[in-house]
Amino acid sequence: MSWAIVADSSCNLRGFEPLAPDCVYRFAPLKINVADEEFIDDASLDVAELNRRVSADETASSSACPSVGEWADLFRQADNIIAITISANLSGSYEAAVMARDIVLEEGERNIFIVNSRAAGGKLELLAVEVDRYLAAHPEATFNEVTAHICDLEQSSTVLFLLSSYENLAKAGRMPKMAGVLANKLKIRILGTASSEGTIKVVGPARSQKKAFEKIVGCMKADGYTAGPVYIDHVFNERAAQELSDRIHQDWPNAEITIMPCGGLCSYYAEEDGLIIGYGW
């Protein structure tokens, strides 16, 4: 039986090759609309140019989820499908995937399970990679066993956003506009997480990067983190991502930390110098 791990492009894995036998990874690109131009969040996207265009445009830009047809095409690529979407409260991606699942299931026998990550960025990467590892370690696992495993992973992992620019979030209604304006003017870094309402729930402000990193470590301890996988996504800020990795390793020397650049959608929301941290415990 063949397997496919499928995500939308809020998962920043690009070119990922699963370890599990007879398994592929595919992603469905979201789109970012700036003025009259559509940027497709695939492997060929020039993220720096997208950010430049968004910054130069004074009007509110927007994002669009993958279509039902795009999801359906991906669901036809294997017998067993594990799909992971950006938070259902942030995008219509989950709803489109559910509609595509219903269409494809009517065409023949397949197993399709869709996970609402309740997040974006690093948490999706964690889910995708850990499911692949489970399949590689348990090649005889049933579909129900795999779906139970990813549900456990989703419940025992989270995402944090460390932001220093908030214009796009405010324009899109993901955080109060006045709060974004004040935070920008005062040069305050904001540590937040994804709320159930599809906005950024502020964990706390930080006047310096060092203090922000201490807050992140504090959140990890409060969650019961014990050196599980960590994914740090950055918007052209690899230096800060590495410094955060070093800080995490001070408390958990054996932590498995992966650093990667944000694709278009995550870059659009995290903005310049932003970090998105996904971790599991």
C-alpha atoms as a PDB file:
ATOM      1  CA  MET A   1       0.000   0.000   0.000  1.00  0.00           C
ATOM      2  CA  SER A   2       1.347   3.414  -0.963  1.00  0.00           C
ATOM      3  CA  TRP A   3       1.357   6.457   1.309  1.00  0.00           C
ATOM      4  CA  ALA A   4       1.371  10.199   0.733  1.00  0.00           C
ATOM      5  CA  ILE A   5       1.960  12.914   3.305  1.00  0.00           C
ATOM      6  CA  VAL A   6       0.333  16.059   1.970  1.00  0.00           C
ATOM      7  CA  ALA A   7       0.348  19.580   3.402  1.00  0.00           C
ATOM      8  CA  ASP A   8      -0.483  23.052   2.225  1.00  0.00           C
ATOM      9  CA  SER A   9       2.376  25.500   1.786  1.00  0.00           C
ATOM     10  CA  SER A  10       2.043  26.934   5.282  1.00  0.00           C
ATOM     11  CA  CYS A  11       4.306  23.936   5.931  1.00  0.00           C
ATOM     12  CA  ASN A  12       7.743  25.177   4.903  1.00  0.00           C
ATOM     13  CA  LEU A  13       9.160  21.814   3.847  1.00  0.00           C
ATOM     14  CA  ARG A  14      10.412  22.060   0.287  1.00  0.00           C
ATOM     15  CA  GLY A  15      12.050  19.111  -1.445  1.00  0.00           C
ATOM     16  CA  PHE A  16      11.409  16.809   1.506  1.00  0.00           C
ATOM     17  CA  GLU A  17      11.985  13.136   0.692  1.00  0.00           C
ATOM     18  CA  PRO A  18      10.298  10.706   3.110  1.00  0.00           C
ATOM     19  CA  LEU A  19      12.286   7.869   4.656  1.00  0.00           C
ATOM     20  CA  ALA A  20       9.317   5.491   4.738  1.00  0.00           C
ATOM     21  CA  PRO A  21       9.091   3.013   1.845  1.00  0.00           C
ATOM     22  CA  ASP A  22       6.545   3.723  -0.902  1.00  0.00           C
ATOM     23  CA  CYS A  23       5.780   7.143   0.558  1.00  0.00           C
ATOM     24  CA  VAL A  24       5.838  10.582  -1.068  1.00  0.00           C
ATOM     25  CA  TYR A  25       5.526  14.129   0.243  1.00  0.00           C
ATOM     26  CA  ARG A  26       3.551  16.739  -1.689  1.00  0.00           C
ATOM     27  CA  PHE A  27       2.274  20.212  -0.867  1.00  0.00           C
ATOM     28  CA  ALA A  28      -0.563  22.361  -2.160  1.00  0.00           C
ATOM     29  CA  PRO A  29       0.480  25.996  -2.669  1.00  0.00           C
ATOM     30  CA  LEU A  30      -1.454  28.865  -1.202  1.00  0.00           C
ATOM     31  CA  LYS A  31      -1.526  32.146  -3.105  1.00  0.00           C
ATOM     32  CA  ILE A  32      -0.720  35.680  -2.009  1.00  0.00           C
ATOM     33  CA  ASN A  33      -2.452  38.491  -3.875  1.00  0.00           C
ATOM     34  CA  VAL A  34      -0.650  41.838  -3.990  1.00  0.00           C
ATOM     35  CA  ALA A  35      -2.364  44.618  -5.923  1.00  0.00           C
ATOM     36  CA  ASP A  36      -3.292  42.895  -9.197  1.00  0.00           C
ATOM     37  CA  GLU A  37      -0.620  40.194  -9.066  1.00  0.00           C
ATOM     38  CA  GLU A  38      -0.877  36.649  -7.711  1.00  0.00           C
ATOM     39  CA  PHE A  39       2.173  35.002  -6.153  1.00  0.00           C
ATOM     40  CA  ILE A  40       2.015  31.201  -5.964  1.00  0.00           C
ATOM     41  CA  ASP A  41       3.684  29.808  -2.858  1.00  0.00           C
ATOM     42  CA  ASP A  42       5.595  26.985  -4.505  1.00  0.00           C
ATOM     43  CA  ALA A  43       9.262  26.036  -4.635  1.00  0.00           C
ATOM     44  CA  SER A  44       9.971  28.590  -7.392  1.00  0.00           C
ATOM     45  CA  LEU A  45       8.601  31.606  -5.505  1.00  0.00           C
ATOM     46  CA  ASP A  46      11.024  34.492  -4.970  1.00  0.00           C
ATOM     47  CA  VAL A  47      10.130  35.162  -1.341  1.00  0.00           C
ATOM     48  CA  ALA A  48      12.329  38.284  -1.136  1.00  0.00           C
ATOM     49  CA  GLU A  49      10.519  39.817  -4.116  1.00  0.00           C
ATOM     50  CA  LEU A  50       7.149  38.945  -2.616  1.00  0.00           C
ATOM     51  CA  ASN A  51       8.103  40.673   0.630  1.00  0.00           C
ATOM     52  CA  ARG A  52       9.350  43.710  -1.271  1.00  0.00           C
ATOM     53  CA  ARG A  53       6.092  43.998  -3.218  1.00  0.00           C
ATOM     54  CA  VAL A  54       3.942  43.582  -0.117  1.00  0.00           C
ATOM     55  CA  SER A  55       5.943  46.237   1.736  1.00  0.00           C
ATOM     56  CA  ALA A  56       5.699  48.671  -1.183  1.00  0.00           C
ATOM     57  CA  ASP A  57       1.958  48.240  -1.620  1.00  0.00           C
ATOM     58  CA  GLU A  58      -0.086  50.484   0.678  1.00  0.00           C
ATOM     59  CA  THR A  59      -3.328  48.571   0.181  1.00  0.00           C
ATOM     60  CA  ALA A  60      -4.252  45.385   2.037  1.00  0.00           C
ATOM     61  CA  SER A  61      -2.931  42.284   0.308  1.00  0.00           C
ATOM     62  CA  SER A  62      -4.525  38.885   0.862  1.00  0.00           C
ATOM     63  CA  SER A  63      -3.945  35.149   0.709  1.00  0.00           C
ATOM     64  CA  ALA A  64      -5.997  32.403  -0.905  1.00  0.00           C
ATOM     65  CA  CYS A  65      -6.119  28.717  -0.044  1.00  0.00           C
ATOM     66  CA  PRO A  66      -5.493  25.805  -2.451  1.00  0.00           C
ATOM     67  CA  SER A  67      -8.522  24.916  -4.512  1.00  0.00           C
ATOM     68  CA  VAL A  68     -10.617  21.788  -4.041  1.00  0.00           C
ATOM     69  CA  GLY A  69      -9.268  20.538  -7.363  1.00  0.00           C
ATOM     70  CA  GLU A  70      -5.651  21.002  -6.296  1.00  0.00           C
ATOM     71  CA  TRP A  71      -6.245  19.036  -3.123  1.00  0.00           C
ATOM     72  CA  ALA A  72      -8.120  16.313  -5.029  1.00  0.00           C
ATOM     73  CA  ASP A  73      -5.214  15.854  -7.461  1.00  0.00           C
ATOM     74  CA  LEU A  74      -2.845  15.309  -4.550  1.00  0.00           C
ATOM     75  CA  PHE A  75      -5.221  12.875  -2.856  1.00  0.00           C
ATOM     76  CA  ARG A  76      -5.154  10.659  -5.948  1.00  0.00           C
ATOM     77  CA  GLN A  77      -1.410  10.004  -5.664  1.00  0.00           C
ATOM     78  CA  ALA A  78      -1.484   7.161  -3.118  1.00  0.00           C
ATOM     79  CA  ASP A  79      -3.687   4.593  -1.428  1.00  0.00           C
ATOM     80  CA  ASN A  80      -3.315   6.148   2.006  1.00  0.00           C
ATOM     81  CA  ILE A  81      -3.252   9.916   2.463  1.00  0.00           C
ATOM     82  CA  ILE A  82      -2.334  11.911   5.559  1.00  0.00           C
ATOM     83  CA  ALA A  83      -3.096  15.596   4.896  1.00  0.00           C
ATOM     84  CA  ILE A  84      -2.081  18.467   7.171  1.00  0.00           C
ATOM     85  CA  THR A  85      -3.505  21.979   6.825  1.00  0.00           C
ATOM     86  CA  ILE A  86      -2.930  25.394   8.282  1.00  0.00           C
ATOM     87  CA  SER A  87      -5.327  26.225  11.111  1.00  0.00           C
ATOM     88  CA  ALA A  88      -8.919  26.029   9.920  1.00  0.00           C
ATOM     89  CA  ASN A  89      -9.494  29.409  11.580  1.00  0.00           C
ATOM     90  CA  LEU A  90      -6.746  31.071   9.567  1.00  0.00           C
ATOM     91  CA  SER A  91      -7.669  29.828   6.098  1.00  0.00           C
ATOM     92  CA  GLY A  92     -10.198  27.894   4.044  1.00  0.00           C
ATOM     93  CA  SER A  93      -7.525  25.303   3.267  1.00  0.00           C
ATOM     94  CA  TYR A  94      -8.940  22.719   5.690  1.00  0.00           C
ATOM     95  CA  GLU A  95     -12.470  23.110   4.336  1.00  0.00           C
ATOM     96  CA  ALA A  96     -11.233  22.777   0.736  1.00  0.00           C
ATOM     97  CA  ALA A  97      -9.306  19.636   1.671  1.00  0.00           C
ATOM     98  CA  VAL A  98     -12.408  18.102   3.276  1.00  0.00           C
ATOM     99  CA  MET A  99     -14.449  18.780   0.130  1.00  0.00           C
ATOM    100  CA  ALA A 100     -11.697  17.243  -2.003  1.00  0.00           C
ATOM    101  CA  ARG A 101     -11.566  14.175   0.236  1.00  0.00           C
ATOM    102  CA  ASP A 102     -15.289  13.561  -0.246  1.00  0.00           C
ATOM    103  CA  ILE A 103     -14.915  13.794  -4.022  1.00  0.00           C
ATOM    104  CA  VAL A 104     -11.930  11.436  -4.195  1.00  0.00           C
ATOM    105  CA  LEU A 105     -13.435   8.868  -1.841  1.00  0.00           C
ATOM    106  CA  GLU A 106     -16.397   8.527  -4.188  1.00  0.00           C
ATOM    107  CA  GLU A 107     -14.028   7.547  -7.027  1.00  0.00           C
ATOM    108  CA  GLY A 108     -12.679   4.391  -5.409  1.00  0.00           C
ATOM    109  CA  GLU A 109     -11.109   2.835  -2.353  1.00  0.00           C
ATOM    110  CA  ARG A 110      -8.666   5.144  -0.629  1.00  0.00           C
ATOM    111  CA  ASN A 111      -7.985   6.198   2.920  1.00  0.00           C
ATOM    112  CA  ILE A 112      -7.762   9.954   3.493  1.00  0.00           C
ATOM    113  CA  PHE A 113      -7.270  11.604   6.871  1.00  0.00           C
ATOM    114  CA  ILE A 114      -7.072  15.389   7.266  1.00  0.00           C
ATOM    115  CA  VAL A 115      -5.450  17.043  10.256  1.00  0.00           C
ATOM    116  CA  ASN A 116      -6.292  20.591  11.256  1.00  0.00           C
ATOM    117  CA  SER A 117      -2.909  21.624  12.643  1.00  0.00           C
ATOM    118  CA  ARG A 118      -4.389  24.619  14.492  1.00  0.00           C
ATOM    119  CA  ALA A 119      -1.134  26.338  13.545  1.00  0.00           C
ATOM    120  CA  ALA A 120       1.217  27.280  10.711  1.00  0.00           C
ATOM    121  CA  GLY A 121       4.886  26.829   9.965  1.00  0.00           C
ATOM    122  CA  GLY A 122       7.030  24.777  12.311  1.00  0.00           C
ATOM    123  CA  LYS A 123       4.238  22.699  13.826  1.00  0.00           C
ATOM    124  CA  LEU A 124       3.211  21.400  10.379  1.00  0.00           C
ATOM    125  CA  GLU A 125       6.805  20.451   9.605  1.00  0.00           C
ATOM    126  CA  LEU A 126       6.999  18.555  12.873  1.00  0.00           C
ATOM    127  CA  LEU A 127       3.788  16.647  12.084  1.00  0.00           C
ATOM    128  CA  ALA A 128       4.859  15.744   8.553  1.00  0.00           C
ATOM    129  CA  VAL A 129       8.358  14.557   9.483  1.00  0.00           C
ATOM    130  CA  GLU A 130       7.251  12.640  12.564  1.00  0.00           C
ATOM    131  CA  VAL A 131       4.537  10.794  10.618  1.00  0.00           C
ATOM    132  CA  ASP A 132       7.166   9.782   8.068  1.00  0.00           C
ATOM    133  CA  ARG A 133       9.416   8.524  10.858  1.00  0.00           C
ATOM    134  CA  TYR A 134       6.556   6.519  12.316  1.00  0.00           C
ATOM    135  CA  LEU A 135       5.833   4.933   8.927  1.00  0.00           C
ATOM    136  CA  ALA A 136       9.525   4.130   8.462  1.00  0.00           C
ATOM    137  CA  ALA A 137       9.730   2.500  11.899  1.00  0.00           C
ATOM    138  CA  HIS A 138       6.374   0.711  11.559  1.00  0.00           C
ATOM    139  CA  PRO A 139       6.027  -0.370   7.906  1.00  0.00           C
ATOM    140  CA  GLU A 140       3.142  -2.697   8.782  1.00  0.00           C
ATOM    141  CA  ALA A 141       1.135  -0.030  10.618  1.00  0.00           C
ATOM    142  CA  THR A 142      -2.547   0.183   9.783  1.00  0.00           C
ATOM    143  CA  PHE A 143      -4.142   3.391   8.588  1.00  0.00           C
ATOM    144  CA  ASN A 144      -5.974   3.749  11.906  1.00  0.00           C
ATOM    145  CA  GLU A 145      -2.731   3.372  13.833  1.00  0.00           C
ATOM    146  CA  VAL A 146      -1.090   6.108  11.764  1.00  0.00           C
ATOM    147  CA  THR A 147      -4.026   8.477  12.172  1.00  0.00           C
ATOM    148  CA  ALA A 148      -4.052   7.873  15.932  1.00  0.00           C
ATOM    149  CA  HIS A 149      -0.337   8.664  16.023  1.00  0.00           C
ATOM    150  CA  ILE A 150      -0.665  11.978  14.193  1.00  0.00           C
ATOM    151  CA  CYS A 151      -3.605  12.984  16.379  1.00  0.00           C
ATOM    152  CA  ASP A 152      -1.419  12.387  19.435  1.00  0.00           C
ATOM    153  CA  LEU A 153       1.352  14.433  17.826  1.00  0.00           C
ATOM    154  CA  GLU A 154      -1.010  17.316  17.060  1.00  0.00           C
ATOM    155  CA  GLN A 155      -2.239  17.420  20.648  1.00  0.00           C
ATOM    156  CA  SER A 156       1.287  17.314  22.106  1.00  0.00           C
ATOM    157  CA  SER A 157       2.851  20.038  19.949  1.00  0.00           C
ATOM    158  CA  THR A 158       2.410  23.766  19.535  1.00  0.00           C
ATOM    159  CA  VAL A 159       3.578  26.830  17.634  1.00  0.00           C
ATOM    160  CA  LEU A 160       4.977  30.171  18.754  1.00  0.00           C
ATOM    161  CA  PHE A 161       5.470  33.303  16.659  1.00  0.00           C
ATOM    162  CA  LEU A 162       8.219  35.793  17.495  1.00  0.00           C
ATOM    163  CA  LEU A 163       7.427  38.902  15.499  1.00  0.00           C
ATOM    164  CA  SER A 164       9.023  42.307  15.128  1.00  0.00           C
ATOM    165  CA  SER A 165       6.715  43.624  12.383  1.00  0.00           C
ATOM    166  CA  TYR A 166       2.933  43.375  12.406  1.00  0.00           C
ATOM    167  CA  GLU A 167       1.625  45.375   9.456  1.00  0.00           C
ATOM    168  CA  ASN A 168       0.286  42.456   7.408  1.00  0.00           C
ATOM    169  CA  LEU A 169      -1.308  40.789  10.433  1.00  0.00           C
ATOM    170  CA  ALA A 170      -3.053  44.026  11.335  1.00  0.00           C
ATOM    171  CA  LYS A 171      -4.208  44.634   7.758  1.00  0.00           C
ATOM    172  CA  ALA A 172      -5.598  41.103   7.559  1.00  0.00           C
ATOM    173  CA  GLY A 173      -7.411  41.434  10.888  1.00  0.00           C
ATOM    174  CA  ARG A 174      -5.200  38.833  12.589  1.00  0.00           C
ATOM    175  CA  MET A 175      -4.345  41.256  15.398  1.00  0.00           C
ATOM    176  CA  PRO A 176      -5.824  44.599  16.523  1.00  0.00           C
ATOM    177  CA  LYS A 177      -4.628  47.325  14.155  1.00  0.00           C
ATOM    178  CA  MET A 178      -3.787  49.796  16.921  1.00  0.00           C
ATOM    179  CA  ALA A 179      -1.758  47.164  18.787  1.00  0.00           C
ATOM    180  CA  GLY A 180       0.245  46.506  15.631  1.00  0.00           C
ATOM    181  CA  VAL A 181       0.874  50.211  15.038  1.00  0.00           C
ATOM    182  CA  LEU A 182       2.042  50.775  18.619  1.00  0.00           C
ATOM    183  CA  ALA A 183       4.243  47.679  18.661  1.00  0.00           C
ATOM    184  CA  ASN A 184       5.899  48.765  15.415  1.00  0.00           C
ATOM    185  CA  LYS A 185       6.556  52.310  16.661  1.00  0.00           C
ATOM    186  CA  LEU A 186       7.912  51.144  20.002  1.00  0.00           C
ATOM    187  CA  LYS A 187       9.996  48.411  18.331  1.00  0.00           C
ATOM    188  CA  ILE A 188       8.553  45.782  20.667  1.00  0.00           C
ATOM    189  CA  ARG A 189       8.917  42.120  19.814  1.00  0.00           C
ATOM    190  CA  ILE A 190       5.751  40.168  20.378  1.00  0.00           C
ATOM    191  CA  LEU A 191       5.657  36.496  21.279  1.00  0.00           C
ATOM    192  CA  GLY A 192       2.352  34.927  20.327  1.00  0.00           C
ATOM    193  CA  THR A 193       0.619  31.685  19.511  1.00  0.00           C
ATOM    194  CA  ALA A 194      -2.314  30.728  17.304  1.00  0.00           C
ATOM    195  CA  SER A 195      -5.651  31.346  19.015  1.00  0.00           C
ATOM    196  CA  SER A 196      -8.818  29.339  18.437  1.00  0.00           C
ATOM    197  CA  GLU A 197     -10.329  32.388  16.730  1.00  0.00           C
ATOM    198  CA  GLY A 198      -7.678  32.494  13.997  1.00  0.00           C
ATOM    199  CA  THR A 199      -5.767  35.454  15.388  1.00  0.00           C
ATOM    200  CA  ILE A 200      -2.382  35.813  17.065  1.00  0.00           C
ATOM    201  CA  LYS A 201      -2.822  35.406  20.811  1.00  0.00           C
ATOM    202  CA  VAL A 202      -0.146  37.470  22.528  1.00  0.00           C
ATOM    203  CA  VAL A 203       1.905  35.535  25.074  1.00  0.00           C
ATOM    204  CA  GLY A 204       3.921  38.600  26.006  1.00  0.00           C
ATOM    205  CA  PRO A 205       5.982  41.538  24.730  1.00  0.00           C
ATOM    206  CA  ALA A 206       9.765  41.660  24.901  1.00  0.00           C
ATOM    207  CA  ARG A 207      12.044  44.658  24.610  1.00  0.00           C
ATOM    208  CA  SER A 208      15.020  42.596  23.454  1.00  0.00           C
ATOM    209  CA  GLN A 209      15.733  39.419  21.572  1.00  0.00           C
ATOM    210  CA  LYS A 210      17.380  37.910  24.640  1.00  0.00           C
ATOM    211  CA  LYS A 211      14.259  38.455  26.740  1.00  0.00           C
ATOM    212  CA  ALA A 212      12.106  37.047  23.935  1.00  0.00           C
ATOM    213  CA  PHE A 213      14.203  33.885  23.845  1.00  0.00           C
ATOM    214  CA  GLU A 214      13.822  33.497  27.618  1.00  0.00           C
ATOM    215  CA  LYS A 215      10.044  33.742  27.208  1.00  0.00           C
ATOM    216  CA  ILE A 216      10.153  31.029  24.529  1.00  0.00           C
ATOM    217  CA  VAL A 217      12.145  28.717  26.782  1.00  0.00           C
ATOM    218  CA  GLY A 218       9.687  29.476  29.576  1.00  0.00           C
ATOM    219  CA  CYS A 219       6.755  28.506  27.362  1.00  0.00           C
ATOM    220  CA  MET A 220       8.498  25.260  26.411  1.00  0.00           C
ATOM    221  CA  LYS A 221       9.075  24.390  30.063  1.00  0.00           C
ATOM    222  CA  ALA A 222       5.458  25.189  30.922  1.00  0.00           C
ATOM    223  CA  ASP A 223       4.313  22.843  28.155  1.00  0.00           C
ATOM    224  CA  GLY A 224       6.430  20.006  29.555  1.00  0.00           C
ATOM    225  CA  TYR A 225       8.952  19.996  26.717  1.00  0.00           C
ATOM    226  CA  THR A 226      11.619  17.305  27.212  1.00  0.00           C
ATOM    227  CA  ALA A 227      13.995  17.643  24.228  1.00  0.00           C
ATOM    228  CA  GLY A 228      11.568  16.605  21.497  1.00  0.00           C
ATOM    229  CA  PRO A 229      11.792  17.909  17.924  1.00  0.00           C
ATOM    230  CA  VAL A 230      11.919  21.668  17.341  1.00  0.00           C
ATOM    231  CA  TYR A 231      11.468  23.478  14.022  1.00  0.00           C
ATOM    232  CA  ILE A 232      12.545  27.105  13.778  1.00  0.00           C
ATOM    233  CA  ASP A 233      11.391  28.862  10.610  1.00  0.00           C
ATOM    234  CA  HIS A 234      12.774  32.296   9.847  1.00  0.00           C
ATOM    235  CA  VAL A 235      12.132  35.195   7.480  1.00  0.00           C
ATOM    236  CA  PHE A 236      15.658  35.988   6.288  1.00  0.00           C
ATOM    237  CA  ASN A 237      16.855  35.835   9.886  1.00  0.00           C
ATOM    238  CA  GLU A 238      18.957  32.683  10.114  1.00  0.00           C
ATOM    239  CA  ARG A 239      21.291  34.286  12.632  1.00  0.00           C
ATOM    240  CA  ALA A 240      18.484  34.786  15.166  1.00  0.00           C
ATOM    241  CA  ALA A 241      17.177  31.273  14.479  1.00  0.00           C
ATOM    242  CA  GLN A 242      20.621  29.856  15.243  1.00  0.00           C
ATOM    243  CA  GLU A 243      20.907  31.955  18.401  1.00  0.00           C
ATOM    244  CA  LEU A 244      17.528  30.656  19.576  1.00  0.00           C
ATOM    245  CA  SER A 245      18.673  27.127  18.801  1.00  0.00           C
ATOM    246  CA  ASP A 246      21.773  27.697  20.932  1.00  0.00           C
ATOM    247  CA  ARG A 247      19.611  29.032  23.781  1.00  0.00           C
ATOM    248  CA  ILE A 248      17.322  25.995  23.679  1.00  0.00           C
ATOM    249  CA  HIS A 249      20.341  23.697  23.707  1.00  0.00           C
ATOM    250  CA  GLN A 250      21.516  25.324  26.948  1.00  0.00           C
ATOM    251  CA  ASP A 251      18.546  23.743  28.735  1.00  0.00           C
ATOM    252  CA  TRP A 252      18.101  20.691  26.524  1.00  0.00           C
ATOM    253  CA  PRO A 253      21.473  19.690  24.993  1.00  0.00           C
ATOM    254  CA  ASN A 254      19.917  16.722  23.190  1.00  0.00           C
ATOM    255  CA  ALA A 255      17.101  18.682  21.555  1.00  0.00           C
ATOM    256  CA  GLU A 256      16.738  17.921  17.846  1.00  0.00           C
ATOM    257  CA  ILE A 257      16.429  21.344  16.217  1.00  0.00           C
ATOM    258  CA  THR A 258      15.851  22.044  12.524  1.00  0.00           C
ATOM    259  CA  ILE A 259      16.195  25.543  11.058  1.00  0.00           C
ATOM    260  CA  MET A 260      14.645  26.444   7.715  1.00  0.00           C
ATOM    261  CA  PRO A 261      13.517  29.523   5.783  1.00  0.00           C
ATOM    262  CA  CYS A 262       9.875  30.484   5.560  1.00  0.00           C
ATOM    263  CA  GLY A 263       8.048  30.053   2.291  1.00  0.00           C
ATOM    264  CA  GLY A 264       5.745  32.719   0.920  1.00  0.00           C
ATOM    265  CA  LEU A 265       2.693  32.331   3.135  1.00  0.00           C
ATOM    266  CA  CYS A 266       4.589  32.158   6.431  1.00  0.00           C
ATOM    267  CA  SER A 267       6.894  34.963   5.321  1.00  0.00           C
ATOM    268  CA  TYR A 268       3.854  37.080   4.480  1.00  0.00           C
ATOM    269  CA  TYR A 269       2.443  36.767   7.996  1.00  0.00           C
ATOM    270  CA  ALA A 270       5.642  36.570  10.058  1.00  0.00           C
ATOM    271  CA  GLU A 271       7.170  39.492   8.100  1.00  0.00           C
ATOM    272  CA  GLU A 272      10.745  40.740   8.196  1.00  0.00           C
ATOM    273  CA  ASP A 273      12.975  38.994  10.769  1.00  0.00           C
ATOM    274  CA  GLY A 274      10.078  36.927  12.112  1.00  0.00           C
ATOM    275  CA  LEU A 275      10.501  33.462  13.618  1.00  0.00           C
ATOM    276  CA  ILE A 276       7.952  30.640  13.800  1.00  0.00           C
ATOM    277  CA  ILE A 277       8.775  27.919  16.305  1.00  0.00           C
ATOM    278  CA  GLY A 278       7.066  24.534  16.367  1.00  0.00           C
ATOM    279  CA  TYR A 279       7.897  21.974  19.031  1.00  0.00           C
ATOM    280  CA  GLY A 280       6.569  18.760  20.479  1.00  0.00           C
ATOM    281  CA  TRP A 281       6.864  17.153  23.856  1.00  0.00           C
END
